[in-house]
Amino acid sequence: QLQLAESGGGLVQSGGSLTLSCIASGSTLDNYAVGWFRQAPGKEREEVSCINNFHLGNIYYADSVKGRFAISRDNAEPAAYLQMNELNPGDTATYYCAAGPLHHCRQQGFSQEPLYWGKGTQVTVSS
C-alpha cells in the first residue's frame, strides 16, 4: 500500500522560500496523481496544488499560490515536491501530501478525495 511522508517544513520569514518533499514508499507513484493540501488552525482544509503523471499533463494551483508555488514529481525517486516562494503569514499551515487515481487531478483540483495521505509537515511564516 502506498505510504507518503512529508518533510521540509519549518519556520521562515515573510518573503522567504521553502521546498516540501513527499517521499513515497510501498508503491511507485506512476499510477497516481499527487497533490498538496494545507490546513491552518481554525480553517478548512485547502487544496494547494496537484499534478497528474507526465503524459496526462494538467497541473492545478489554488489562486492563492499561483505564481509563487511550483509542484513537481519524480517517479524514479519516487517523490513529489512543492517549491514555495514569496511566502507570507497567510501560508502558515500544516501541509499534507496526498495521492489519488492517476487522472484525478483536473482543472479545479482533485475530482475526488485522494486515497492516500501523509501525516503533514508544519510551515510557519513570520511577519
N, C-alpha and C. Protein backbone atom coordinates (compact mmCIF):
# COMPACT_ATOMS: atom_id res chain seq x y z
N GLN A 1 0.84 -1.18 0.00
CA GLN A 1 0.00 0.00 0.00
C GLN A 1 0.88 1.24 0.00
N LEU A 2 0.45 2.23 -0.75
CA LEU A 2 1.23 3.46 -0.85
C LEU A 2 1.26 4.20 0.48
N GLN A 3 2.43 4.63 0.87
CA GLN A 3 2.60 5.46 2.06
C GLN A 3 3.34 6.72 1.66
N LEU A 4 2.95 7.85 2.28
CA LEU A 4 3.53 9.14 1.94
C LEU A 4 4.11 9.79 3.18
N ALA A 5 5.26 10.40 3.06
CA ALA A 5 5.89 11.07 4.19
C ALA A 5 6.41 12.42 3.74
N GLU A 6 5.90 13.48 4.37
CA GLU A 6 6.32 14.84 4.05
C GLU A 6 7.51 15.26 4.89
N SER A 7 8.28 16.16 4.35
CA SER A 7 9.38 16.78 5.09
C SER A 7 9.67 18.14 4.46
N GLY A 8 10.47 18.93 5.14
CA GLY A 8 10.89 20.21 4.60
C GLY A 8 10.20 21.42 5.19
N GLY A 9 9.25 21.19 6.07
CA GLY A 9 8.60 22.33 6.70
C GLY A 9 9.52 23.00 7.70
N GLY A 10 9.08 24.13 8.21
CA GLY A 10 9.87 24.86 9.18
C GLY A 10 9.40 26.28 9.35
N LEU A 11 10.23 27.07 10.01
CA LEU A 11 9.95 28.48 10.25
C LEU A 11 10.74 29.32 9.25
N VAL A 12 10.05 30.23 8.59
CA VAL A 12 10.71 31.08 7.60
C VAL A 12 10.13 32.49 7.69
N GLN A 13 10.93 33.46 7.37
CA GLN A 13 10.45 34.85 7.38
C GLN A 13 9.63 35.14 6.14
N SER A 14 8.76 36.11 6.27
CA SER A 14 7.95 36.54 5.14
C SER A 14 8.85 36.91 3.96
N GLY A 15 8.48 36.44 2.79
CA GLY A 15 9.29 36.66 1.60
C GLY A 15 10.26 35.54 1.30
N GLY A 16 10.42 34.63 2.24
CA GLY A 16 11.35 33.52 2.09
C GLY A 16 10.78 32.37 1.28
N SER A 17 11.57 31.30 1.19
CA SER A 17 11.21 30.13 0.40
C SER A 17 11.43 28.84 1.19
N LEU A 18 10.65 27.85 0.84
CA LEU A 18 10.82 26.50 1.37
C LEU A 18 10.48 25.52 0.27
N THR A 19 11.08 24.34 0.34
CA THR A 19 10.71 23.26 -0.56
C THR A 19 10.26 22.07 0.28
N LEU A 20 9.03 21.66 0.07
CA LEU A 20 8.49 20.49 0.74
C LEU A 20 8.72 19.26 -0.12
N SER A 21 9.01 18.16 0.53
CA SER A 21 9.20 16.89 -0.17
C SER A 21 8.15 15.89 0.32
N CYS A 22 7.74 15.04 -0.58
CA CYS A 22 6.80 13.95 -0.26
C CYS A 22 7.42 12.67 -0.80
N ILE A 23 7.90 11.84 0.09
CA ILE A 23 8.55 10.61 -0.30
C ILE A 23 7.55 9.47 -0.23
N ALA A 24 7.45 8.72 -1.32
CA ALA A 24 6.52 7.60 -1.38
C ALA A 24 7.23 6.29 -1.10
N SER A 25 6.52 5.38 -0.46
CA SER A 25 7.03 4.04 -0.22
C SER A 25 5.88 3.05 -0.34
N GLY A 26 6.22 1.79 -0.49
CA GLY A 26 5.20 0.76 -0.60
C GLY A 26 4.67 0.59 -2.00
N SER A 27 4.92 1.56 -2.87
CA SER A 27 4.45 1.51 -4.25
C SER A 27 5.13 2.63 -5.03
N THR A 28 5.12 2.51 -6.32
CA THR A 28 5.60 3.62 -7.13
C THR A 28 4.50 4.67 -7.24
N LEU A 29 4.88 5.85 -7.72
CA LEU A 29 3.90 6.92 -7.94
C LEU A 29 3.36 6.93 -9.35
N ASP A 30 3.84 6.03 -10.19
CA ASP A 30 3.50 6.06 -11.60
C ASP A 30 1.99 6.06 -11.85
N ASN A 31 1.26 5.39 -10.98
CA ASN A 31 -0.17 5.22 -11.22
C ASN A 31 -1.03 6.17 -10.39
N TYR A 32 -0.42 7.25 -9.92
CA TYR A 32 -1.15 8.16 -9.05
C TYR A 32 -0.99 9.61 -9.49
N ALA A 33 -2.04 10.37 -9.32
CA ALA A 33 -1.93 11.82 -9.30
C ALA A 33 -1.51 12.22 -7.89
N VAL A 34 -0.73 13.26 -7.77
CA VAL A 34 -0.19 13.67 -6.48
C VAL A 34 -0.54 15.13 -6.23
N GLY A 35 -0.80 15.44 -4.97
CA GLY A 35 -1.14 16.83 -4.68
C GLY A 35 -0.73 17.25 -3.28
N TRP A 36 -0.89 18.54 -3.03
CA TRP A 36 -0.60 19.12 -1.73
C TRP A 36 -1.83 19.86 -1.23
N PHE A 37 -2.12 19.67 0.05
CA PHE A 37 -3.19 20.36 0.74
C PHE A 37 -2.60 21.05 1.96
N ARG A 38 -3.33 22.00 2.50
CA ARG A 38 -2.87 22.63 3.73
C ARG A 38 -4.06 22.96 4.61
N GLN A 39 -3.80 23.03 5.89
CA GLN A 39 -4.85 23.40 6.84
C GLN A 39 -4.25 24.24 7.95
N ALA A 40 -4.80 25.41 8.12
CA ALA A 40 -4.39 26.31 9.20
C ALA A 40 -5.35 26.13 10.36
N PRO A 41 -4.90 26.43 11.58
CA PRO A 41 -5.77 26.29 12.74
C PRO A 41 -7.07 27.07 12.58
N GLY A 42 -8.19 26.41 12.82
CA GLY A 42 -9.47 27.07 12.75
C GLY A 42 -10.00 27.29 11.35
N LYS A 43 -9.27 26.78 10.35
CA LYS A 43 -9.70 26.96 8.96
C LYS A 43 -9.93 25.61 8.29
N GLU A 44 -10.69 25.64 7.20
CA GLU A 44 -10.92 24.43 6.44
C GLU A 44 -9.68 24.04 5.65
N ARG A 45 -9.59 22.79 5.35
CA ARG A 45 -8.50 22.31 4.52
C ARG A 45 -8.60 22.91 3.12
N GLU A 46 -7.49 23.29 2.59
CA GLU A 46 -7.43 23.91 1.27
C GLU A 46 -6.52 23.09 0.36
N GLU A 47 -7.00 22.83 -0.84
CA GLU A 47 -6.14 22.17 -1.81
C GLU A 47 -5.21 23.20 -2.43
N VAL A 48 -3.93 22.94 -2.40
CA VAL A 48 -2.93 23.89 -2.86
C VAL A 48 -2.55 23.63 -4.32
N SER A 49 -2.30 22.38 -4.63
CA SER A 49 -1.82 22.05 -5.97
C SER A 49 -1.94 20.55 -6.21
N CYS A 50 -2.05 20.16 -7.47
CA CYS A 50 -1.97 18.75 -7.81
C CYS A 50 -1.39 18.59 -9.21
N ILE A 51 -0.93 17.38 -9.47
CA ILE A 51 -0.30 17.10 -10.76
C ILE A 51 -0.57 15.66 -11.14
N ASN A 52 -0.97 15.47 -12.39
CA ASN A 52 -1.10 14.11 -12.91
C ASN A 52 0.27 13.58 -13.28
N ASN A 53 0.32 12.38 -13.77
CA ASN A 53 1.57 11.87 -14.29
C ASN A 53 1.90 12.60 -15.59
N PHE A 54 3.14 12.55 -15.97
CA PHE A 54 3.62 13.44 -17.02
C PHE A 54 2.80 13.36 -18.30
N HIS A 55 2.50 12.16 -18.75
CA HIS A 55 1.86 12.03 -20.04
C HIS A 55 0.39 12.45 -20.02
N LEU A 56 -0.15 12.65 -18.80
CA LEU A 56 -1.53 13.09 -18.71
C LEU A 56 -1.64 14.59 -18.49
N GLY A 57 -0.48 15.25 -18.37
CA GLY A 57 -0.48 16.69 -18.24
C GLY A 57 -1.21 17.17 -17.01
N ASN A 58 -1.77 18.33 -17.06
CA ASN A 58 -2.60 19.01 -16.08
C ASN A 58 -1.95 19.23 -14.72
N ILE A 59 -1.80 20.46 -14.42
CA ILE A 59 -1.35 20.88 -13.10
C ILE A 59 -2.35 21.91 -12.61
N TYR A 60 -2.72 21.78 -11.34
CA TYR A 60 -3.66 22.72 -10.71
C TYR A 60 -2.95 23.49 -9.61
N TYR A 61 -3.25 24.78 -9.51
CA TYR A 61 -2.82 25.61 -8.40
C TYR A 61 -4.01 26.40 -7.88
N ALA A 62 -4.09 26.49 -6.57
CA ALA A 62 -5.07 27.38 -5.98
C ALA A 62 -4.70 28.83 -6.33
N ASP A 63 -5.70 29.67 -6.47
CA ASP A 63 -5.44 31.08 -6.81
C ASP A 63 -4.49 31.73 -5.81
N SER A 64 -4.59 31.31 -4.57
CA SER A 64 -3.80 31.94 -3.51
C SER A 64 -2.30 31.68 -3.64
N VAL A 65 -1.92 30.68 -4.46
CA VAL A 65 -0.49 30.33 -4.57
C VAL A 65 0.03 30.44 -6.00
N LYS A 66 -0.83 30.75 -6.95
CA LYS A 66 -0.39 30.83 -8.35
C LYS A 66 0.73 31.84 -8.50
N GLY A 67 1.75 31.46 -9.22
CA GLY A 67 2.88 32.33 -9.46
C GLY A 67 3.93 32.29 -8.36
N ARG A 68 3.60 31.66 -7.22
CA ARG A 68 4.55 31.59 -6.09
C ARG A 68 4.99 30.15 -5.80
N PHE A 69 4.10 29.21 -6.00
CA PHE A 69 4.39 27.80 -5.68
C PHE A 69 4.53 27.02 -6.98
N ALA A 70 5.34 25.97 -6.93
CA ALA A 70 5.51 25.08 -8.09
C ALA A 70 5.56 23.64 -7.62
N ILE A 71 4.71 22.81 -8.21
CA ILE A 71 4.67 21.39 -7.87
C ILE A 71 5.48 20.62 -8.91
N SER A 72 6.12 19.57 -8.47
CA SER A 72 6.85 18.70 -9.39
C SER A 72 6.82 17.28 -8.83
N ARG A 73 7.22 16.34 -9.67
CA ARG A 73 7.25 14.96 -9.23
C ARG A 73 8.41 14.25 -9.91
N ASP A 74 8.90 13.23 -9.26
CA ASP A 74 9.98 12.40 -9.81
C ASP A 74 9.59 10.96 -9.55
N ASN A 75 9.06 10.31 -10.54
CA ASN A 75 8.58 8.94 -10.35
C ASN A 75 9.71 7.98 -10.03
N ALA A 76 10.91 8.32 -10.42
CA ALA A 76 12.05 7.43 -10.17
C ALA A 76 12.45 7.41 -8.69
N GLU A 77 12.10 8.47 -7.97
CA GLU A 77 12.54 8.54 -6.56
C GLU A 77 11.86 7.49 -5.69
N PRO A 78 10.56 7.33 -5.59
CA PRO A 78 9.51 8.21 -6.09
C PRO A 78 9.16 9.32 -5.09
N ALA A 79 8.90 10.51 -5.59
CA ALA A 79 8.65 11.63 -4.72
C ALA A 79 7.91 12.74 -5.46
N ALA A 80 7.34 13.62 -4.68
CA ALA A 80 6.76 14.84 -5.20
C ALA A 80 7.27 16.00 -4.37
N TYR A 81 7.24 17.19 -4.96
CA TYR A 81 7.82 18.34 -4.29
C TYR A 81 6.90 19.55 -4.44
N LEU A 82 7.03 20.46 -3.50
CA LEU A 82 6.32 21.74 -3.60
C LEU A 82 7.32 22.84 -3.28
N GLN A 83 7.72 23.56 -4.31
CA GLN A 83 8.60 24.71 -4.13
C GLN A 83 7.73 25.91 -3.80
N MET A 84 7.99 26.54 -2.66
CA MET A 84 7.17 27.65 -2.21
C MET A 84 8.04 28.90 -2.10
N ASN A 85 7.69 29.92 -2.87
CA ASN A 85 8.43 31.18 -2.88
C ASN A 85 7.54 32.31 -2.41
N GLU A 86 8.15 33.41 -2.05
CA GLU A 86 7.42 34.62 -1.62
C GLU A 86 6.39 34.27 -0.55
N LEU A 87 6.82 33.52 0.41
CA LEU A 87 5.91 33.09 1.47
C LEU A 87 5.45 34.28 2.29
N ASN A 88 4.21 34.21 2.75
CA ASN A 88 3.66 35.24 3.63
C ASN A 88 2.94 34.55 4.78
N PRO A 89 2.61 35.31 5.83
CA PRO A 89 1.98 34.68 7.01
C PRO A 89 0.71 33.91 6.68
N GLY A 90 0.02 34.27 5.61
CA GLY A 90 -1.18 33.54 5.21
C GLY A 90 -0.91 32.14 4.73
N ASP A 91 0.35 31.81 4.48
CA ASP A 91 0.73 30.47 4.05
C ASP A 91 1.00 29.55 5.24
N THR A 92 0.96 30.09 6.45
CA THR A 92 1.19 29.28 7.65
C THR A 92 0.12 28.22 7.78
N ALA A 93 0.53 26.97 7.85
CA ALA A 93 -0.41 25.85 7.91
C ALA A 93 0.37 24.55 8.03
N THR A 94 -0.36 23.47 8.28
CA THR A 94 0.20 22.14 8.14
C THR A 94 -0.05 21.70 6.70
N TYR A 95 0.99 21.27 6.04
CA TYR A 95 0.91 20.89 4.63
C TYR A 95 0.93 19.36 4.52
N TYR A 96 -0.02 18.86 3.74
CA TYR A 96 -0.19 17.42 3.57
C TYR A 96 0.02 17.03 2.11
N CYS A 97 0.72 15.96 1.90
CA CYS A 97 0.84 15.34 0.59
C CYS A 97 -0.26 14.29 0.45
N ALA A 98 -0.81 14.17 -0.76
CA ALA A 98 -1.88 13.21 -0.99
C ALA A 98 -1.76 12.62 -2.39
N ALA A 99 -2.29 11.44 -2.55
CA ALA A 99 -2.26 10.78 -3.85
C ALA A 99 -3.60 10.15 -4.16
N GLY A 100 -3.99 10.23 -5.42
CA GLY A 100 -5.26 9.66 -5.85
C GLY A 100 -5.09 9.00 -7.21
N PRO A 101 -6.18 8.48 -7.74
CA PRO A 101 -6.10 7.81 -9.04
C PRO A 101 -5.48 8.71 -10.10
N LEU A 102 -4.86 8.09 -11.06
CA LEU A 102 -3.93 8.74 -11.98
C LEU A 102 -4.49 9.98 -12.65
N HIS A 103 -5.70 9.96 -13.12
CA HIS A 103 -6.23 11.05 -13.92
C HIS A 103 -7.11 11.99 -13.12
N HIS A 104 -7.04 11.95 -11.81
CA HIS A 104 -7.99 12.70 -10.98
C HIS A 104 -7.58 14.13 -10.67
N CYS A 105 -6.42 14.57 -11.13
CA CYS A 105 -6.07 15.99 -10.99
C CYS A 105 -6.66 16.71 -12.19
N ARG A 106 -7.68 17.51 -11.95
CA ARG A 106 -8.39 18.20 -13.02
C ARG A 106 -8.12 19.70 -12.93
N GLN A 107 -8.83 20.47 -13.76
CA GLN A 107 -8.61 21.92 -13.79
C GLN A 107 -8.95 22.59 -12.47
N GLN A 108 -9.86 21.99 -11.69
CA GLN A 108 -10.25 22.56 -10.40
C GLN A 108 -9.66 21.79 -9.24
N GLY A 109 -8.64 20.96 -9.50
CA GLY A 109 -8.02 20.17 -8.45
C GLY A 109 -8.47 18.72 -8.50
N PHE A 110 -8.28 18.02 -7.41
CA PHE A 110 -8.69 16.62 -7.36
C PHE A 110 -10.21 16.52 -7.55
N SER A 111 -10.62 15.60 -8.43
CA SER A 111 -12.04 15.41 -8.68
C SER A 111 -12.69 14.57 -7.59
N GLN A 112 -11.90 13.84 -6.83
CA GLN A 112 -12.39 13.06 -5.70
C GLN A 112 -11.39 13.16 -4.56
N GLU A 113 -11.84 12.83 -3.40
CA GLU A 113 -10.95 12.81 -2.23
C GLU A 113 -9.78 11.87 -2.50
N PRO A 114 -8.54 12.34 -2.33
CA PRO A 114 -7.39 11.46 -2.54
C PRO A 114 -7.47 10.23 -1.63
N LEU A 115 -6.83 9.16 -2.11
CA LEU A 115 -6.90 7.90 -1.39
C LEU A 115 -5.87 7.80 -0.27
N TYR A 116 -4.73 8.44 -0.47
CA TYR A 116 -3.62 8.28 0.46
C TYR A 116 -3.14 9.65 0.92
N TRP A 117 -2.77 9.70 2.19
CA TRP A 117 -2.37 10.96 2.80
C TRP A 117 -1.13 10.76 3.66
N GLY A 118 -0.26 11.77 3.67
CA GLY A 118 0.82 11.80 4.62
C GLY A 118 0.34 12.40 5.94
N LYS A 119 1.26 12.47 6.90
CA LYS A 119 0.89 12.96 8.23
C LYS A 119 1.08 14.46 8.37
N GLY A 120 1.69 15.08 7.38
CA GLY A 120 1.80 16.53 7.37
C GLY A 120 3.13 17.06 7.87
N THR A 121 3.44 18.26 7.41
CA THR A 121 4.62 18.99 7.87
C THR A 121 4.23 20.44 8.11
N GLN A 122 4.70 21.01 9.21
CA GLN A 122 4.28 22.36 9.60
C GLN A 122 5.12 23.41 8.89
N VAL A 123 4.44 24.40 8.33
CA VAL A 123 5.10 25.56 7.75
C VAL A 123 4.61 26.78 8.50
N THR A 124 5.55 27.54 9.04
CA THR A 124 5.21 28.77 9.77
C THR A 124 5.97 29.93 9.15
N VAL A 125 5.24 30.96 8.76
CA VAL A 125 5.84 32.14 8.14
C VAL A 125 5.66 33.32 9.08
N SER A 126 6.76 33.88 9.50
CA SER A 126 6.72 35.03 10.42
C SER A 126 6.73 36.33 9.63
N SER A 127 6.07 37.33 10.19
CA SER A 127 5.99 38.63 9.50
C SER A 127 7.17 39.53 9.84
